[in-house]
N, C-alpha and C. Protein backbone atom coordinates (compact mmCIF):
# COMPACT_ATOMS: atom_id res chain seq x y z
N ALA A 1 0.82 -1.21 -0.01
CA ALA A 1 0.07 -0.11 -0.07
C ALA A 1 0.75 1.33 0.05
N ALA A 2 0.26 2.35 -0.81
CA ALA A 2 1.16 3.49 -0.76
C ALA A 2 1.14 4.39 0.41
N VAL A 3 2.17 4.85 1.06
CA VAL A 3 2.19 5.79 2.11
C VAL A 3 2.15 7.22 1.73
N LYS A 4 1.33 8.12 1.77
CA LYS A 4 1.35 9.41 1.14
C LYS A 4 2.45 10.42 1.59
N SER A 5 2.86 10.10 2.91
CA SER A 5 3.97 10.87 3.34
C SER A 5 5.33 10.60 2.91
N VAL A 6 5.52 9.49 2.24
CA VAL A 6 6.84 9.05 1.69
C VAL A 6 7.03 9.83 0.42
N GLU A 7 8.00 10.65 0.37
CA GLU A 7 8.18 11.38 -0.76
C GLU A 7 9.67 10.81 -1.54
N CYS A 8 10.45 10.20 -0.87
CA CYS A 8 11.57 9.83 -1.43
C CYS A 8 12.07 8.31 -0.93
N VAL A 9 12.65 7.35 -1.65
CA VAL A 9 12.99 6.19 -0.97
C VAL A 9 14.49 5.97 -1.26
N VAL A 10 15.37 5.88 -0.41
CA VAL A 10 16.95 5.68 -0.67
C VAL A 10 17.09 4.43 -0.43
N VAL A 11 17.63 3.91 -1.87
CA VAL A 11 18.26 2.53 -1.94
C VAL A 11 19.63 2.41 -1.73
N THR A 12 20.20 1.68 -0.65
CA THR A 12 21.59 1.57 -0.59
C THR A 12 21.98 0.17 -1.23
N SER A 13 22.68 0.60 -2.35
CA SER A 13 22.99 -0.45 -3.43
C SER A 13 24.61 -0.88 -3.22
N SER A 14 25.28 -0.78 -4.32
CA SER A 14 26.79 -0.95 -4.33
C SER A 14 27.33 -0.43 -5.68
N THR A 15 28.44 -0.03 -5.73
CA THR A 15 29.15 0.52 -7.05
C THR A 15 29.16 -0.95 -8.08
N ALA A 16 29.18 -2.13 -7.42
CA ALA A 16 29.03 -3.46 -8.28
C ALA A 16 27.84 -3.20 -9.19
N ALA A 17 26.81 -2.39 -8.64
CA ALA A 17 25.59 -2.24 -10.09
C ALA A 17 25.99 -1.50 -11.10
N VAL A 18 26.80 -0.81 -11.09
CA VAL A 18 27.16 0.15 -12.26
C VAL A 18 28.54 -0.32 -13.15
N TYR A 19 29.53 -1.06 -12.43
CA TYR A 19 30.86 -0.97 -13.16
C TYR A 19 31.31 -2.17 -13.55
N VAL A 20 30.66 -3.52 -13.29
CA VAL A 20 31.26 -4.71 -13.59
C VAL A 20 30.70 -4.87 -14.90
N ASN A 21 31.66 -4.97 -15.84
CA ASN A 21 31.61 -5.52 -17.33
C ASN A 21 33.13 -5.95 -17.49
N HIS A 22 32.92 -7.42 -17.68
CA HIS A 22 34.16 -8.37 -17.77
C HIS A 22 34.70 -8.19 -19.09
N ASN A 23 34.19 -7.83 -20.04
CA ASN A 23 34.67 -7.65 -21.52
C ASN A 23 34.97 -6.40 -22.09
N THR A 24 35.03 -5.50 -21.13
CA THR A 24 35.32 -4.04 -21.46
C THR A 24 36.48 -3.21 -21.06
N GLU A 25 36.89 -2.13 -21.46
CA GLU A 25 38.00 -1.42 -20.99
C GLU A 25 37.86 -1.35 -19.18
N SER A 26 39.07 -1.03 -18.87
CA SER A 26 39.33 -0.72 -17.25
C SER A 26 38.55 0.56 -16.87
N ILE A 27 38.23 0.32 -15.74
CA ILE A 27 37.45 1.41 -14.94
C ILE A 27 38.20 2.68 -15.14
N ASP A 28 37.42 3.66 -15.53
CA ASP A 28 38.07 5.26 -15.43
C ASP A 28 37.72 5.88 -14.27
N PRO A 29 38.90 6.07 -13.33
CA PRO A 29 38.47 6.66 -12.14
C PRO A 29 37.86 8.19 -12.13
N LYS A 30 38.18 8.69 -13.23
CA LYS A 30 37.58 9.99 -13.21
C LYS A 30 36.11 10.18 -13.79
N LYS A 31 35.49 8.88 -14.37
CA LYS A 31 34.06 8.83 -14.83
C LYS A 31 33.12 9.09 -13.81
N VAL A 32 32.00 9.60 -13.77
CA VAL A 32 30.78 9.83 -13.33
C VAL A 32 29.66 9.03 -13.75
N TYR A 33 29.41 8.07 -12.86
CA TYR A 33 28.47 7.21 -13.25
C TYR A 33 27.07 7.67 -12.93
N THR A 34 25.99 7.43 -13.73
CA THR A 34 24.79 8.07 -13.65
C THR A 34 23.71 6.76 -13.79
N GLU A 35 22.47 7.00 -13.88
CA GLU A 35 21.40 5.96 -13.93
C GLU A 35 21.52 5.38 -15.32
N LYS A 36 22.30 5.91 -16.12
CA LYS A 36 22.38 5.18 -17.52
C LYS A 36 23.37 3.93 -17.47
N ASP A 37 24.23 3.96 -16.44
CA ASP A 37 25.20 3.29 -16.46
C ASP A 37 24.77 1.92 -15.64
N TRP A 38 25.00 0.64 -16.26
CA TRP A 38 24.72 -0.62 -15.47
C TRP A 38 25.77 -1.56 -15.79
N SER A 39 26.18 -2.32 -14.67
CA SER A 39 26.99 -3.69 -14.92
C SER A 39 26.26 -4.53 -16.08
N ASP A 40 26.85 -5.19 -16.80
CA ASP A 40 26.43 -6.09 -18.06
C ASP A 40 26.01 -7.39 -17.32
N VAL A 41 24.66 -7.29 -17.36
CA VAL A 41 23.76 -8.59 -16.63
C VAL A 41 24.40 -10.09 -17.44
N LYS A 42 24.52 -10.08 -18.78
CA LYS A 42 24.99 -11.46 -19.43
C LYS A 42 26.39 -11.65 -19.10
N SER A 43 27.27 -10.72 -18.86
CA SER A 43 28.74 -11.07 -18.49
C SER A 43 28.66 -11.59 -17.17
N MET A 44 27.88 -10.92 -16.22
CA MET A 44 27.76 -11.37 -14.75
C MET A 44 27.35 -12.72 -14.76
N GLU A 45 26.05 -13.01 -15.50
CA GLU A 45 25.84 -14.31 -15.55
C GLU A 45 26.66 -15.78 -16.05
N GLU A 46 27.45 -14.90 -17.12
CA GLU A 46 28.30 -16.19 -17.75
C GLU A 46 29.51 -16.16 -16.84
N ASN A 47 29.95 -15.29 -15.96
CA ASN A 47 30.97 -15.44 -15.13
C ASN A 47 30.57 -15.75 -13.78
N LYS A 48 29.43 -15.90 -13.41
CA LYS A 48 28.72 -16.49 -12.17
C LYS A 48 29.18 -15.33 -11.09
N SER A 49 29.01 -14.11 -11.64
CA SER A 49 29.17 -12.91 -10.64
C SER A 49 28.02 -12.66 -9.82
N TRP A 50 27.56 -13.37 -9.00
CA TRP A 50 26.20 -13.42 -8.22
C TRP A 50 25.99 -12.00 -7.47
N TYR A 51 26.86 -11.66 -6.67
CA TYR A 51 26.93 -10.38 -5.97
C TYR A 51 26.55 -9.11 -6.67
N PRO A 52 27.35 -8.81 -7.82
CA PRO A 52 27.22 -7.77 -8.34
C PRO A 52 25.90 -7.82 -9.21
N LEU A 53 25.52 -9.05 -9.78
CA LEU A 53 24.09 -9.30 -10.60
C LEU A 53 23.07 -9.23 -9.66
N SER A 54 23.09 -9.59 -8.40
CA SER A 54 21.90 -9.25 -7.71
C SER A 54 21.83 -7.73 -7.11
N LYS A 55 22.95 -7.11 -7.15
CA LYS A 55 22.87 -5.75 -6.97
C LYS A 55 22.22 -4.82 -7.96
N THR A 56 22.81 -5.26 -9.36
CA THR A 56 22.39 -4.75 -10.56
C THR A 56 20.65 -4.80 -10.64
N LEU A 57 20.33 -6.05 -10.48
CA LEU A 57 18.98 -6.56 -10.94
C LEU A 57 17.95 -5.71 -9.66
N ALA A 58 18.36 -5.85 -8.67
CA ALA A 58 17.75 -5.13 -7.34
C ALA A 58 17.48 -3.75 -7.94
N GLU A 59 18.68 -2.97 -7.97
CA GLU A 59 18.49 -1.53 -8.36
C GLU A 59 17.82 -1.24 -9.56
N LYS A 60 17.55 -2.11 -10.63
CA LYS A 60 16.89 -1.92 -11.92
C LYS A 60 15.42 -1.99 -11.46
N ARG A 61 15.12 -2.92 -10.60
CA ARG A 61 13.69 -3.24 -10.28
C ARG A 61 13.24 -2.15 -9.41
N ALA A 62 14.04 -1.58 -8.36
CA ALA A 62 13.43 -0.42 -7.79
C ALA A 62 13.36 0.87 -8.46
N ALA A 63 14.07 0.81 -9.88
CA ALA A 63 13.77 2.02 -10.65
C ALA A 63 12.42 1.81 -11.48
N GLU A 64 12.28 0.65 -11.75
CA GLU A 64 10.97 0.15 -12.34
C GLU A 64 9.81 0.59 -11.54
N LEU A 65 9.87 0.14 -10.49
CA LEU A 65 8.90 0.42 -9.50
C LEU A 65 8.67 2.13 -9.18
N ALA A 66 9.70 2.53 -8.99
CA ALA A 66 9.44 4.05 -8.59
C ALA A 66 9.06 4.77 -10.07
N ALA A 67 9.18 4.36 -10.98
CA ALA A 67 8.57 4.87 -12.40
C ALA A 67 7.30 4.81 -12.44
N LYS A 68 6.81 3.68 -11.98
CA LYS A 68 5.24 3.47 -11.80
C LYS A 68 4.62 4.24 -10.82
N ALA A 69 5.29 4.74 -9.75
CA ALA A 69 4.54 5.38 -8.60
C ALA A 69 4.78 6.75 -8.55
N ALA A 70 3.48 7.61 -8.70
CA ALA A 70 3.47 8.87 -9.09
C ALA A 70 3.80 9.50 -7.51
N SER A 71 3.96 8.90 -6.55
CA SER A 71 3.51 9.67 -5.36
C SER A 71 5.11 9.68 -4.74
N TYR A 72 6.13 9.18 -5.06
CA TYR A 72 7.49 9.11 -4.72
C TYR A 72 8.56 8.71 -5.71
N ARG A 73 9.87 9.16 -5.34
CA ARG A 73 10.84 9.03 -6.36
C ARG A 73 12.15 8.20 -5.38
N ILE A 74 12.68 7.66 -6.16
CA ILE A 74 14.07 6.88 -5.57
C ILE A 74 15.34 7.51 -5.83
N VAL A 75 16.24 7.42 -4.87
CA VAL A 75 17.53 7.73 -5.09
C VAL A 75 18.60 6.59 -4.78
N CYS A 76 19.37 6.03 -5.47
CA CYS A 76 20.34 4.97 -5.10
C CYS A 76 21.50 5.71 -4.69
N MET A 77 22.13 5.17 -3.74
CA MET A 77 23.36 5.28 -3.15
C MET A 77 24.33 4.05 -3.51
N ASN A 78 25.42 4.33 -3.99
CA ASN A 78 26.28 3.14 -4.37
C ASN A 78 27.72 3.39 -3.80
N PRO A 79 27.75 2.84 -2.42
CA PRO A 79 29.11 3.25 -1.86
C PRO A 79 30.24 2.24 -2.30
């Protein structure tokens, strides 16, 4: 059930949700990652990288749910 007093949901995720790509260039420490950056799901499945896969899928699902909810937004923190 929706709670009308909630305006923002903060999801504590992991940097693993945005930078795990087994077949790409090395990580650029100066890059600013955004909601358009995701770890490569297929690559994580093939390499059995279950932790980053779980973080990526959970964060994507949270974004999908928030997109459907008119009453709140989400913010993902990736420490």
